[in-house]
């Protein structure tokens, strides 16, 4: 996952401590002009290089898959309390990039100002250079903090490969979505918390004719009407439209899930409208209790009836054809 391995973002204070302590060691190894020159060079290099590493560790959002872009934008809008989302992060990274160049330039500038022969004057110039670097770092203290918070929020995003065919399951709670996902997945269900909900997304994997598929259950997002979701949660649902290749919408005609069938149908209509270009397969689960609803598939996860047929219907609706090596 593209955000999983982002390094921890250092604070302004941590970088200054690192730069100036290394500079002091470098200065002790030399004397006179060379000592002051080495201290300025070392400090500016450490600050500039570390700040540049903060920026380059992030992916280019212009090339990020739309699924991850929209999820990241939703998370960052909440994290920053800023409707700009990803653009707000870009601005913080731009400020850090400016500081990387500035601290590097300050090293050269103050090395050029070092007088020769007068130790006290050289030390004074070097201290002025350190003060200017410290001032630059103070200016981006909040930017480094924001990037660090962004990193911590985004590393919790679910690992969904947008290139793998993906089944998204939807429907009210207790209609059997997770039971179905557990039944058909060949691997254990993995759960990762959405940074914008209190619940977790569940991602399972299965093999269909040697093709790796994903099945995604989204408690807290696709199990209630849109007007009960906040704006950021709705954007997260919109992001799923980029990853989902088919929606399996579960209905419980027996209403033992605790929700009336009319409400379930209304949620189905909302999901169909939001995923308007994604095939939607309606599944009547708990068919051993009631089949009193129009559906594409009738199934009972409880007794195993219709499970494979439902999975087959999802796969058929996608019509996925893997690329052959010569087509890559």
C-alpha atoms as a PDB file:
ATOM      1  CA  UNK A   1       0.000   0.000   0.000  1.00  0.00           C
ATOM      2  CA  UNK A   2       1.421   3.342  -1.086  1.00  0.00           C
ATOM      3  CA  UNK A   3       1.206   5.081   2.310  1.00  0.00           C
ATOM      4  CA  UNK A   4       2.183   2.149   4.507  1.00  0.00           C
ATOM      5  CA  UNK A   5       5.946   2.668   4.350  1.00  0.00           C
ATOM      6  CA  UNK A   6       6.076   6.429   4.728  1.00  0.00           C
ATOM      7  CA  UNK A   7       8.848   7.218   7.234  1.00  0.00           C
ATOM      8  CA  UNK A   8       8.159   9.005  10.497  1.00  0.00           C
ATOM      9  CA  UNK A   9       8.302  12.765   9.998  1.00  0.00           C
ATOM     10  CA  UNK A  10      10.889  14.468  12.241  1.00  0.00           C
ATOM     11  CA  UNK A  11      10.000  17.612  14.139  1.00  0.00           C
ATOM     12  CA  UNK A  12      11.745  20.914  13.600  1.00  0.00           C
ATOM     13  CA  UNK A  13      13.437  20.612  16.993  1.00  0.00           C
ATOM     14  CA  UNK A  14      14.684  17.109  16.255  1.00  0.00           C
ATOM     15  CA  UNK A  15      16.223  18.203  12.973  1.00  0.00           C
ATOM     16  CA  UNK A  16      17.904  21.218  14.511  1.00  0.00           C
ATOM     17  CA  UNK A  17      19.351  19.116  17.339  1.00  0.00           C
ATOM     18  CA  UNK A  18      20.655  16.599  14.820  1.00  0.00           C
ATOM     19  CA  UNK A  19      22.134  19.234  12.512  1.00  0.00           C
ATOM     20  CA  UNK A  20      23.850  21.320  15.167  1.00  0.00           C
ATOM     21  CA  UNK A  21      25.202  18.377  17.175  1.00  0.00           C
ATOM     22  CA  UNK A  22      26.703  16.863  14.020  1.00  0.00           C
ATOM     23  CA  UNK A  23      28.089  20.268  13.112  1.00  0.00           C
ATOM     24  CA  UNK A  24      29.731  20.604  16.525  1.00  0.00           C
ATOM     25  CA  UNK A  25      31.442  17.229  16.085  1.00  0.00           C
ATOM     26  CA  UNK A  26      32.612  18.199  12.625  1.00  0.00           C
ATOM     27  CA  UNK A  27      34.032  21.480  13.951  1.00  0.00           C
ATOM     28  CA  UNK A  28      35.940  19.789  16.761  1.00  0.00           C
ATOM     29  CA  UNK A  29      37.856  17.724  14.243  1.00  0.00           C
ATOM     30  CA  UNK A  30      39.270  20.835  12.618  1.00  0.00           C
ATOM     31  CA  UNK A  31      40.432  24.303  13.537  1.00  0.00           C
ATOM     32  CA  UNK A  32      40.216  27.932  12.450  1.00  0.00           C
ATOM     33  CA  UNK A  33      38.444  28.695   9.183  1.00  0.00           C
ATOM     34  CA  UNK A  34      38.021  25.019   8.273  1.00  0.00           C
ATOM     35  CA  UNK A  35      36.164  24.342  11.542  1.00  0.00           C
ATOM     36  CA  UNK A  36      33.598  27.110  10.991  1.00  0.00           C
ATOM     37  CA  UNK A  37      33.233  26.202   7.321  1.00  0.00           C
ATOM     38  CA  UNK A  38      32.672  22.530   8.193  1.00  0.00           C
ATOM     39  CA  UNK A  39      30.059  23.407  10.819  1.00  0.00           C
ATOM     40  CA  UNK A  40      28.062  25.538   8.393  1.00  0.00           C
ATOM     41  CA  UNK A  41      28.373  22.974   5.620  1.00  0.00           C
ATOM     42  CA  UNK A  42      27.385  20.061   7.862  1.00  0.00           C
ATOM     43  CA  UNK A  43      24.363  21.758   9.408  1.00  0.00           C
ATOM     44  CA  UNK A  44      22.991  23.032   6.100  1.00  0.00           C
ATOM     45  CA  UNK A  45      23.498  19.650   4.433  1.00  0.00           C
ATOM     46  CA  UNK A  46      21.732  17.743   7.215  1.00  0.00           C
ATOM     47  CA  UNK A  47      18.794  20.136   7.322  1.00  0.00           C
ATOM     48  CA  UNK A  48      18.473  20.387   3.557  1.00  0.00           C
ATOM     49  CA  UNK A  49      18.833  16.655   2.906  1.00  0.00           C
ATOM     50  CA  UNK A  50      16.476  15.569   5.682  1.00  0.00           C
ATOM     51  CA  UNK A  51      13.818  18.059   4.660  1.00  0.00           C
ATOM     52  CA  UNK A  52      14.115  16.984   1.057  1.00  0.00           C
ATOM     53  CA  UNK A  53      13.720  13.355   2.147  1.00  0.00           C
ATOM     54  CA  UNK A  54      10.474  14.258   3.923  1.00  0.00           C
ATOM     55  CA  UNK A  55       9.103  15.614   0.651  1.00  0.00           C
ATOM     56  CA  UNK A  56      10.342  12.899  -1.708  1.00  0.00           C
ATOM     57  CA  UNK A  57       9.046  10.101   0.520  1.00  0.00           C
ATOM     58  CA  UNK A  58       5.510  11.036  -0.529  1.00  0.00           C
ATOM     59  CA  UNK A  59       4.042   9.754  -3.789  1.00  0.00           C
ATOM     60  CA  UNK A  60       3.140  12.114  -6.601  1.00  0.00           C
ATOM     61  CA  UNK A  61      -0.598  12.518  -6.062  1.00  0.00           C
ATOM     62  CA  UNK A  62      -1.065  13.275  -9.771  1.00  0.00           C
ATOM     63  CA  UNK A  63      -0.168   9.645 -10.480  1.00  0.00           C
ATOM     64  CA  UNK A  64      -1.909   8.009  -7.493  1.00  0.00           C
ATOM     65  CA  UNK A  65      -4.799   5.689  -8.332  1.00  0.00           C
ATOM     66  CA  UNK A  66      -8.134   7.563  -8.005  1.00  0.00           C
ATOM     67  CA  UNK A  67      -9.238   5.109  -5.287  1.00  0.00           C
ATOM     68  CA  UNK A  68      -6.355   6.026  -2.999  1.00  0.00           C
ATOM     69  CA  UNK A  69      -6.473   9.693  -4.002  1.00  0.00           C
ATOM     70  CA  UNK A  70     -10.095  10.079  -2.914  1.00  0.00           C
ATOM     71  CA  UNK A  71      -9.568   8.102   0.277  1.00  0.00           C
ATOM     72  CA  UNK A  72      -6.510  10.198   1.111  1.00  0.00           C
ATOM     73  CA  UNK A  73      -8.382  13.383   0.333  1.00  0.00           C
ATOM     74  CA  UNK A  74     -11.229  12.328   2.652  1.00  0.00           C
ATOM     75  CA  UNK A  75      -8.846  11.442   5.475  1.00  0.00           C
ATOM     76  CA  UNK A  76      -6.849  14.657   5.148  1.00  0.00           C
ATOM     77  CA  UNK A  77      -9.917  16.857   5.010  1.00  0.00           C
ATOM     78  CA  UNK A  78     -10.842  15.464   8.396  1.00  0.00           C
ATOM     79  CA  UNK A  79      -7.300  15.437   9.795  1.00  0.00           C
ATOM     80  CA  UNK A  80      -6.578  19.046   8.802  1.00  0.00           C
ATOM     81  CA  UNK A  81     -10.174  20.264   9.175  1.00  0.00           C
ATOM     82  CA  UNK A  82      -9.568  21.750   5.746  1.00  0.00           C
ATOM     83  CA  UNK A  83     -11.687  21.207   2.624  1.00  0.00           C
ATOM     84  CA  UNK A  84      -8.535  21.264   0.492  1.00  0.00           C
ATOM     85  CA  UNK A  85      -7.520  17.785   1.718  1.00  0.00           C
ATOM     86  CA  UNK A  86      -4.681  16.553  -0.495  1.00  0.00           C
ATOM     87  CA  UNK A  87      -4.027  20.084  -1.725  1.00  0.00           C
ATOM     88  CA  UNK A  88      -3.465  21.185   1.868  1.00  0.00           C
ATOM     89  CA  UNK A  89      -0.846  18.449   2.238  1.00  0.00           C
ATOM     90  CA  UNK A  90       0.749  19.561  -1.018  1.00  0.00           C
ATOM     91  CA  UNK A  91       1.031  23.081   0.379  1.00  0.00           C
ATOM     92  CA  UNK A  92       2.729  21.823   3.546  1.00  0.00           C
ATOM     93  CA  UNK A  93       5.158  19.764   1.460  1.00  0.00           C
ATOM     94  CA  UNK A  94       5.848  22.795  -0.738  1.00  0.00           C
ATOM     95  CA  UNK A  95       6.803  24.836   2.318  1.00  0.00           C
ATOM     96  CA  UNK A  96       9.141  22.073   3.483  1.00  0.00           C
ATOM     97  CA  UNK A  97      10.690  21.900   0.012  1.00  0.00           C
ATOM     98  CA  UNK A  98      11.301  25.645   0.164  1.00  0.00           C
ATOM     99  CA  UNK A  99      12.988  25.224   3.561  1.00  0.00           C
ATOM    100  CA  UNK A 100      15.183  22.417   2.206  1.00  0.00           C
ATOM    101  CA  UNK A 101      16.505  24.710  -0.516  1.00  0.00           C
ATOM    102  CA  UNK A 102      16.772  27.699   1.801  1.00  0.00           C
ATOM    103  CA  UNK A 103      18.813  25.958   4.504  1.00  0.00           C
ATOM    104  CA  UNK A 104      21.121  24.550   1.858  1.00  0.00           C
ATOM    105  CA  UNK A 105      21.566  27.997   0.348  1.00  0.00           C
ATOM    106  CA  UNK A 106      22.197  29.564   3.760  1.00  0.00           C
ATOM    107  CA  UNK A 107      25.123  27.220   4.280  1.00  0.00           C
ATOM    108  CA  UNK A 108      26.780  28.474   1.095  1.00  0.00           C
ATOM    109  CA  UNK A 109      25.862  32.085   1.839  1.00  0.00           C
ATOM    110  CA  UNK A 110      27.453  32.154   5.274  1.00  0.00           C
ATOM    111  CA  UNK A 111      30.485  30.146   4.228  1.00  0.00           C
ATOM    112  CA  UNK A 112      31.037  32.932   1.699  1.00  0.00           C
ATOM    113  CA  UNK A 113      30.822  35.504   4.501  1.00  0.00           C
ATOM    114  CA  UNK A 114      33.447  33.839   6.727  1.00  0.00           C
ATOM    115  CA  UNK A 115      36.444  36.149   7.251  1.00  0.00           C
ATOM    116  CA  UNK A 116      39.880  34.577   7.412  1.00  0.00           C
ATOM    117  CA  UNK A 117      42.264  35.024  10.310  1.00  0.00           C
ATOM    118  CA  UNK A 118      39.866  36.418  12.929  1.00  0.00           C
ATOM    119  CA  UNK A 119      38.477  33.494  14.938  1.00  0.00           C
ATOM    120  CA  UNK A 120      35.924  35.552  16.881  1.00  0.00           C
ATOM    121  CA  UNK A 121      34.577  37.133  13.699  1.00  0.00           C
ATOM    122  CA  UNK A 122      34.329  33.715  12.049  1.00  0.00           C
ATOM    123  CA  UNK A 123      32.408  32.316  15.009  1.00  0.00           C
ATOM    124  CA  UNK A 124      30.069  35.298  14.929  1.00  0.00           C
ATOM    125  CA  UNK A 125      29.282  34.747  11.242  1.00  0.00           C
ATOM    126  CA  UNK A 126      28.783  31.017  11.816  1.00  0.00           C
ATOM    127  CA  UNK A 127      26.366  31.714  14.691  1.00  0.00           C
ATOM    128  CA  UNK A 128      24.463  34.126  12.472  1.00  0.00           C
ATOM    129  CA  UNK A 129      24.160  31.363   9.880  1.00  0.00           C
ATOM    130  CA  UNK A 130      22.898  28.950  12.526  1.00  0.00           C
ATOM    131  CA  UNK A 131      20.354  31.531  13.685  1.00  0.00           C
ATOM    132  CA  UNK A 132      19.051  32.013  10.125  1.00  0.00           C
ATOM    133  CA  UNK A 133      18.698  28.242   9.689  1.00  0.00           C
ATOM    134  CA  UNK A 134      16.892  28.032  13.005  1.00  0.00           C
ATOM    135  CA  UNK A 135      14.520  30.785  11.878  1.00  0.00           C
ATOM    136  CA  UNK A 136      13.708  28.868   8.689  1.00  0.00           C
ATOM    137  CA  UNK A 137      13.003  25.738  10.712  1.00  0.00           C
ATOM    138  CA  UNK A 138      10.718  27.705  13.028  1.00  0.00           C
ATOM    139  CA  UNK A 139       8.730  28.827   9.991  1.00  0.00           C
ATOM    140  CA  UNK A 140       7.989  25.249   8.938  1.00  0.00           C
ATOM    141  CA  UNK A 141       7.409  23.791  12.387  1.00  0.00           C
ATOM    142  CA  UNK A 142       3.658  23.586  11.771  1.00  0.00           C
ATOM    143  CA  UNK A 143       4.188  22.174   8.272  1.00  0.00           C
ATOM    144  CA  UNK A 144       6.305  19.314   9.605  1.00  0.00           C
ATOM    145  CA  UNK A 145       3.703  18.640  12.277  1.00  0.00           C
ATOM    146  CA  UNK A 146       0.926  18.547   9.666  1.00  0.00           C
ATOM    147  CA  UNK A 147       2.860  16.171   7.401  1.00  0.00           C
ATOM    148  CA  UNK A 148       3.541  13.918  10.377  1.00  0.00           C
ATOM    149  CA  UNK A 149      -0.146  13.817  11.261  1.00  0.00           C
ATOM    150  CA  UNK A 150      -1.017  13.103   7.637  1.00  0.00           C
ATOM    151  CA  UNK A 151       1.409  10.210   7.567  1.00  0.00           C
ATOM    152  CA  UNK A 152      -0.019   8.721  10.766  1.00  0.00           C
ATOM    153  CA  UNK A 153      -3.577   8.996   9.447  1.00  0.00           C
ATOM    154  CA  UNK A 154      -2.924   7.614   5.974  1.00  0.00           C
ATOM    155  CA  UNK A 155      -0.844   4.622   7.020  1.00  0.00           C
ATOM    156  CA  UNK A 156      -4.064   3.125   8.430  1.00  0.00           C
ATOM    157  CA  UNK A 157      -5.836   3.034   5.079  1.00  0.00           C
ATOM    158  CA  UNK A 158      -6.930  -0.446   3.972  1.00  0.00           C
ATOM    159  CA  UNK A 159      -4.662  -2.360   1.632  1.00  0.00           C
ATOM    160  CA  UNK A 160      -6.777  -2.752  -1.472  1.00  0.00           C
ATOM    161  CA  UNK A 161      -5.063  -3.275  -4.810  1.00  0.00           C
ATOM    162  CA  UNK A 162      -7.042  -1.296  -7.397  1.00  0.00           C
ATOM    163  CA  UNK A 163      -5.599  -3.533 -10.125  1.00  0.00           C
ATOM    164  CA  UNK A 164      -7.200  -6.696  -8.701  1.00  0.00           C
ATOM    165  CA  UNK A 165     -10.859  -7.395  -9.486  1.00  0.00           C
ATOM    166  CA  UNK A 166     -12.844  -6.411  -6.430  1.00  0.00           C
ATOM    167  CA  UNK A 167     -16.220  -7.415  -5.009  1.00  0.00           C
ATOM    168  CA  UNK A 168     -17.742  -4.857  -2.642  1.00  0.00           C
ATOM    169  CA  UNK A 169     -20.505  -6.143  -0.354  1.00  0.00           C
ATOM    170  CA  UNK A 170     -23.177  -3.785   0.918  1.00  0.00           C
ATOM    171  CA  UNK A 171     -26.386  -3.896   2.893  1.00  0.00           C
ATOM    172  CA  UNK A 172     -27.714  -3.237   6.379  1.00  0.00           C
ATOM    173  CA  UNK A 173     -25.973  -4.801   9.409  1.00  0.00           C
ATOM    174  CA  UNK A 174     -26.691  -8.426  10.263  1.00  0.00           C
ATOM    175  CA  UNK A 175     -27.763  -9.452   6.749  1.00  0.00           C
ATOM    176  CA  UNK A 176     -24.837 -11.869   6.381  1.00  0.00           C
ATOM    177  CA  UNK A 177     -22.218  -9.838   4.515  1.00  0.00           C
ATOM    178  CA  UNK A 178     -19.250 -10.736   6.718  1.00  0.00           C
ATOM    179  CA  UNK A 179     -20.338 -14.374   6.942  1.00  0.00           C
ATOM    180  CA  UNK A 180     -20.390 -14.562   3.144  1.00  0.00           C
ATOM    181  CA  UNK A 181     -16.986 -12.889   2.850  1.00  0.00           C
ATOM    182  CA  UNK A 182     -15.527 -15.322   5.367  1.00  0.00           C
ATOM    183  CA  UNK A 183     -17.126 -18.262   3.598  1.00  0.00           C
ATOM    184  CA  UNK A 184     -15.776 -17.544   0.120  1.00  0.00           C
ATOM    185  CA  UNK A 185     -12.361 -16.120   1.050  1.00  0.00           C
ATOM    186  CA  UNK A 186      -9.455 -18.542   0.885  1.00  0.00           C
ATOM    187  CA  UNK A 187      -7.428 -16.338   3.223  1.00  0.00           C
ATOM    188  CA  UNK A 188      -8.320 -15.056   6.658  1.00  0.00           C
ATOM    189  CA  UNK A 189     -10.237 -11.814   6.607  1.00  0.00           C
ATOM    190  CA  UNK A 190      -7.970  -8.858   7.304  1.00  0.00           C
ATOM    191  CA  UNK A 191      -9.434  -5.922   9.187  1.00  0.00           C
ATOM    192  CA  UNK A 192      -8.056  -2.395   8.975  1.00  0.00           C
ATOM    193  CA  UNK A 193      -9.602   0.652  10.561  1.00  0.00           C
ATOM    194  CA  UNK A 194     -10.754   3.512   8.391  1.00  0.00           C
ATOM    195  CA  UNK A 195      -9.246   6.658   9.870  1.00  0.00           C
ATOM    196  CA  UNK A 196     -12.633   8.370   9.453  1.00  0.00           C
ATOM    197  CA  UNK A 197     -14.889   5.761  11.087  1.00  0.00           C
ATOM    198  CA  UNK A 198     -14.927   3.898  14.384  1.00  0.00           C
ATOM    199  CA  UNK A 199     -15.316   0.584  12.585  1.00  0.00           C
ATOM    200  CA  UNK A 200     -13.046  -1.400  10.315  1.00  0.00           C
ATOM    201  CA  UNK A 201     -13.028  -2.343   6.687  1.00  0.00           C
ATOM    202  CA  UNK A 202     -12.661  -6.071   6.043  1.00  0.00           C
ATOM    203  CA  UNK A 203     -10.675  -7.297   3.061  1.00  0.00           C
ATOM    204  CA  UNK A 204     -10.550 -10.934   2.036  1.00  0.00           C
ATOM    205  CA  UNK A 205      -8.880 -12.651  -0.909  1.00  0.00           C
ATOM    206  CA  UNK A 206      -9.926 -15.548  -3.081  1.00  0.00           C
ATOM    207  CA  UNK A 207      -8.712 -17.242  -6.240  1.00  0.00           C
ATOM    208  CA  UNK A 208     -11.017 -17.620  -9.213  1.00  0.00           C
ATOM    209  CA  UNK A 209      -9.484 -19.529 -12.123  1.00  0.00           C
ATOM    210  CA  UNK A 210      -6.003 -18.542 -10.958  1.00  0.00           C
ATOM    211  CA  UNK A 211      -6.939 -14.879 -10.699  1.00  0.00           C
ATOM    212  CA  UNK A 212      -6.640 -13.154  -7.324  1.00  0.00           C
ATOM    213  CA  UNK A 213      -9.849 -11.407  -6.324  1.00  0.00           C
ATOM    214  CA  UNK A 214     -10.601  -9.133  -3.380  1.00  0.00           C
ATOM    215  CA  UNK A 215     -13.811  -9.020  -1.418  1.00  0.00           C
ATOM    216  CA  UNK A 216     -14.447  -5.902   0.655  1.00  0.00           C
ATOM    217  CA  UNK A 217     -16.955  -5.392   3.448  1.00  0.00           C
ATOM    218  CA  UNK A 218     -17.335  -1.827   4.655  1.00  0.00           C
ATOM    219  CA  UNK A 219     -19.100  -1.632   8.028  1.00  0.00           C
ATOM    220  CA  UNK A 220     -19.801   1.948   8.963  1.00  0.00           C
ATOM    221  CA  UNK A 221     -20.059   3.097   5.346  1.00  0.00           C
ATOM    222  CA  UNK A 222     -22.318   1.019   3.112  1.00  0.00           C
ATOM    223  CA  UNK A 223     -24.598  -0.260   5.859  1.00  0.00           C
ATOM    224  CA  UNK A 224     -26.711   2.834   6.413  1.00  0.00           C
ATOM    225  CA  UNK A 225     -28.380   5.592   4.360  1.00  0.00           C
ATOM    226  CA  UNK A 226     -26.295   8.396   2.902  1.00  0.00           C
ATOM    227  CA  UNK A 227     -28.031  11.035   5.018  1.00  0.00           C
ATOM    228  CA  UNK A 228     -26.690   9.293   8.118  1.00  0.00           C
ATOM    229  CA  UNK A 229     -23.112   9.545   6.886  1.00  0.00           C
ATOM    230  CA  UNK A 230     -21.034  12.671   7.201  1.00  0.00           C
ATOM    231  CA  UNK A 231     -19.545  14.350   4.155  1.00  0.00           C
ATOM    232  CA  UNK A 232     -16.167  12.678   4.537  1.00  0.00           C
ATOM    233  CA  UNK A 233     -17.710   9.209   4.910  1.00  0.00           C
ATOM    234  CA  UNK A 234     -19.689   9.810   1.733  1.00  0.00           C
ATOM    235  CA  UNK A 235     -16.479  10.751  -0.040  1.00  0.00           C
ATOM    236  CA  UNK A 236     -14.936   7.494   1.170  1.00  0.00           C
ATOM    237  CA  UNK A 237     -17.888   5.629  -0.336  1.00  0.00           C
ATOM    238  CA  UNK A 238     -17.289   7.509  -3.566  1.00  0.00           C
ATOM    239  CA  UNK A 239     -13.668   6.382  -3.501  1.00  0.00           C
ATOM    240  CA  UNK A 240     -14.778   2.757  -3.288  1.00  0.00           C
ATOM    241  CA  UNK A 241     -16.504   3.217  -6.639  1.00  0.00           C
ATOM    242  CA  UNK A 242     -13.036   3.397  -8.204  1.00  0.00           C
ATOM    243  CA  UNK A 243     -11.965   0.081  -6.674  1.00  0.00           C
ATOM    244  CA  UNK A 244     -15.211  -1.870  -6.876  1.00  0.00           C
ATOM    245  CA  UNK A 245     -15.852  -3.959  -9.976  1.00  0.00           C
ATOM    246  CA  UNK A 246     -19.184  -5.332  -8.737  1.00  0.00           C
ATOM    247  CA  UNK A 247     -21.477  -4.633  -5.785  1.00  0.00           C
ATOM    248  CA  UNK A 248     -23.169  -7.514  -4.008  1.00  0.00           C
ATOM    249  CA  UNK A 249     -26.112  -5.962  -2.189  1.00  0.00           C
ATOM    250  CA  UNK A 250     -27.565  -8.172   0.525  1.00  0.00           C
ATOM    251  CA  UNK A 251     -31.254  -8.147   1.440  1.00  0.00           C
ATOM    252  CA  UNK A 252     -32.830 -10.013   4.332  1.00  0.00           C
ATOM    253  CA  UNK A 253     -36.466 -10.650   3.416  1.00  0.00           C
ATOM    254  CA  UNK A 254     -37.060 -12.275   6.798  1.00  0.00           C
ATOM    255  CA  UNK A 255     -36.206  -8.937   8.477  1.00  0.00           C
ATOM    256  CA  UNK A 256     -34.454 -10.865  11.255  1.00  0.00           C
ATOM    257  CA  UNK A 257     -31.587  -8.427  10.726  1.00  0.00           C
ATOM    258  CA  UNK A 258     -33.720  -5.848  12.516  1.00  0.00           C
ATOM    259  CA  UNK A 259     -34.443  -3.627   9.507  1.00  0.00           C
ATOM    260  CA  UNK A 260     -37.631  -3.452   7.467  1.00  0.00           C
ATOM    261  CA  UNK A 261     -37.447  -4.646   3.890  1.00  0.00           C
ATOM    262  CA  UNK A 262     -38.586  -1.277   2.529  1.00  0.00           C
ATOM    263  CA  UNK A 263     -35.640   0.401   4.261  1.00  0.00           C
ATOM    264  CA  UNK A 264     -33.287  -2.209   2.838  1.00  0.00           C
ATOM    265  CA  UNK A 265     -34.636  -1.591  -0.669  1.00  0.00           C
ATOM    266  CA  UNK A 266     -34.193   2.160  -0.195  1.00  0.00           C
ATOM    267  CA  UNK A 267     -30.546   1.686   0.793  1.00  0.00           C
ATOM    268  CA  UNK A 268     -30.054  -0.540  -2.241  1.00  0.00           C
ATOM    269  CA  UNK A 269     -31.378   2.256  -4.488  1.00  0.00           C
ATOM    270  CA  UNK A 270     -28.967   4.748  -2.904  1.00  0.00           C
ATOM    271  CA  UNK A 271     -25.980   2.454  -3.364  1.00  0.00           C
ATOM    272  CA  UNK A 272     -26.981   1.741  -6.972  1.00  0.00           C
ATOM    273  CA  UNK A 273     -27.152   5.472  -7.670  1.00  0.00           C
ATOM    274  CA  UNK A 274     -23.784   6.182  -6.054  1.00  0.00           C
ATOM    275  CA  UNK A 275     -22.090   3.283  -7.907  1.00  0.00           C
ATOM    276  CA  UNK A 276     -24.009   3.961 -11.107  1.00  0.00           C
ATOM    277  CA  UNK A 277     -21.334   2.592 -13.433  1.00  0.00           C
ATOM    278  CA  UNK A 278     -20.589  -0.537 -11.354  1.00  0.00           C
ATOM    279  CA  UNK A 279     -22.643  -3.733 -11.841  1.00  0.00           C
ATOM    280  CA  UNK A 280     -24.921  -4.453  -8.881  1.00  0.00           C
ATOM    281  CA  UNK A 281     -26.094  -7.951  -8.005  1.00  0.00           C
ATOM    282  CA  UNK A 282     -28.972  -8.185  -5.530  1.00  0.00           C
ATOM    283  CA  UNK A 283     -28.677 -11.100  -3.113  1.00  0.00           C
ATOM    284  CA  UNK A 284     -31.490 -12.445  -0.945  1.00  0.00           C
ATOM    285  CA  UNK A 285     -29.656 -13.978   1.995  1.00  0.00           C
ATOM    286  CA  UNK A 286     -31.349 -16.073   4.705  1.00  0.00           C
ATOM    287  CA  UNK A 287     -33.423 -17.541   1.886  1.00  0.00           C
ATOM    288  CA  UNK A 288     -34.103 -20.520   4.158  1.00  0.00           C
ATOM    289  CA  UNK A 289     -36.228 -18.131   6.224  1.00  0.00           C
ATOM    290  CA  UNK A 290     -37.825 -16.067   3.452  1.00  0.00           C
ATOM    291  CA  UNK A 291     -37.533 -15.516  -0.299  1.00  0.00           C
ATOM    292  CA  UNK A 292     -40.202 -12.815  -0.376  1.00  0.00           C
ATOM    293  CA  UNK A 293     -38.163 -10.302  -2.356  1.00  0.00           C
ATOM    294  CA  UNK A 294     -37.059  -9.952  -5.969  1.00  0.00           C
ATOM    295  CA  UNK A 295     -33.341 -10.692  -6.272  1.00  0.00           C
ATOM    296  CA  UNK A 296     -30.699 -11.948  -8.673  1.00  0.00           C
ATOM    297  CA  UNK A 297     -29.513 -14.653  -6.262  1.00  0.00           C
ATOM    298  CA  UNK A 298     -31.087 -16.530  -3.374  1.00  0.00           C
ATOM    299  CA  UNK A 299     -28.731 -17.831  -0.759  1.00  0.00           C
ATOM    300  CA  UNK A 300     -28.351 -19.043   2.809  1.00  0.00           C
ATOM    301  CA  UNK A 301     -24.863 -18.706   4.208  1.00  0.00           C
ATOM    302  CA  UNK A 302     -26.159 -20.492   7.293  1.00  0.00           C
ATOM    303  CA  UNK A 303     -26.749 -23.777   5.444  1.00  0.00           C
ATOM    304  CA  UNK A 304     -24.430 -23.167   2.495  1.00  0.00           C
ATOM    305  CA  UNK A 305     -27.108 -23.071  -0.182  1.00  0.00           C
ATOM    306  CA  UNK A 306     -26.522 -20.715  -3.112  1.00  0.00           C
ATOM    307  CA  UNK A 307     -23.171 -19.426  -1.856  1.00  0.00           C
ATOM    308  CA  UNK A 308     -21.153 -20.581  -4.845  1.00  0.00           C
ATOM    309  CA  UNK A 309     -23.878 -19.473  -7.248  1.00  0.00           C
ATOM    310  CA  UNK A 310     -23.785 -15.981  -5.712  1.00  0.00           C
ATOM    311  CA  UNK A 311     -20.016 -15.797  -6.069  1.00  0.00           C
ATOM    312  CA  UNK A 312     -20.300 -17.012  -9.671  1.00  0.00           C
ATOM    313  CA  UNK A 313     -22.885 -14.298 -10.391  1.00  0.00           C
ATOM    314  CA  UNK A 314     -20.524 -11.631  -9.073  1.00  0.00           C
ATOM    315  CA  UNK A 315     -17.632 -12.914 -11.175  1.00  0.00           C
ATOM    316  CA  UNK A 316     -19.821 -13.150 -14.270  1.00  0.00           C
ATOM    317  CA  UNK A 317     -21.096  -9.593 -13.784  1.00  0.00           C
ATOM    318  CA  UNK A 318     -17.514  -8.300 -13.877  1.00  0.00           C
ATOM    319  CA  UNK A 319     -16.408 -10.287 -16.905  1.00  0.00           C
ATOM    320  CA  UNK A 320     -12.795  -9.796 -15.851  1.00  0.00           C
ATOM    321  CA  UNK A 321     -10.151 -10.936 -18.326  1.00  0.00           C
ATOM    322  CA  UNK A 322      -6.559 -10.897 -17.061  1.00  0.00           C
ATOM    323  CA  UNK A 323      -3.936  -9.349 -19.273  1.00  0.00           C
ATOM    324  CA  UNK A 324      -1.585 -11.788 -20.910  1.00  0.00           C
ATOM    325  CA  UNK A 325       2.171 -11.150 -20.532  1.00  0.00           C
ATOM    326  CA  UNK A 326       2.517  -9.907 -24.109  1.00  0.00           C
ATOM    327  CA  UNK A 327      -0.272  -7.379 -23.486  1.00  0.00           C
ATOM    328  CA  UNK A 328       1.508  -5.690 -20.569  1.00  0.00           C
END
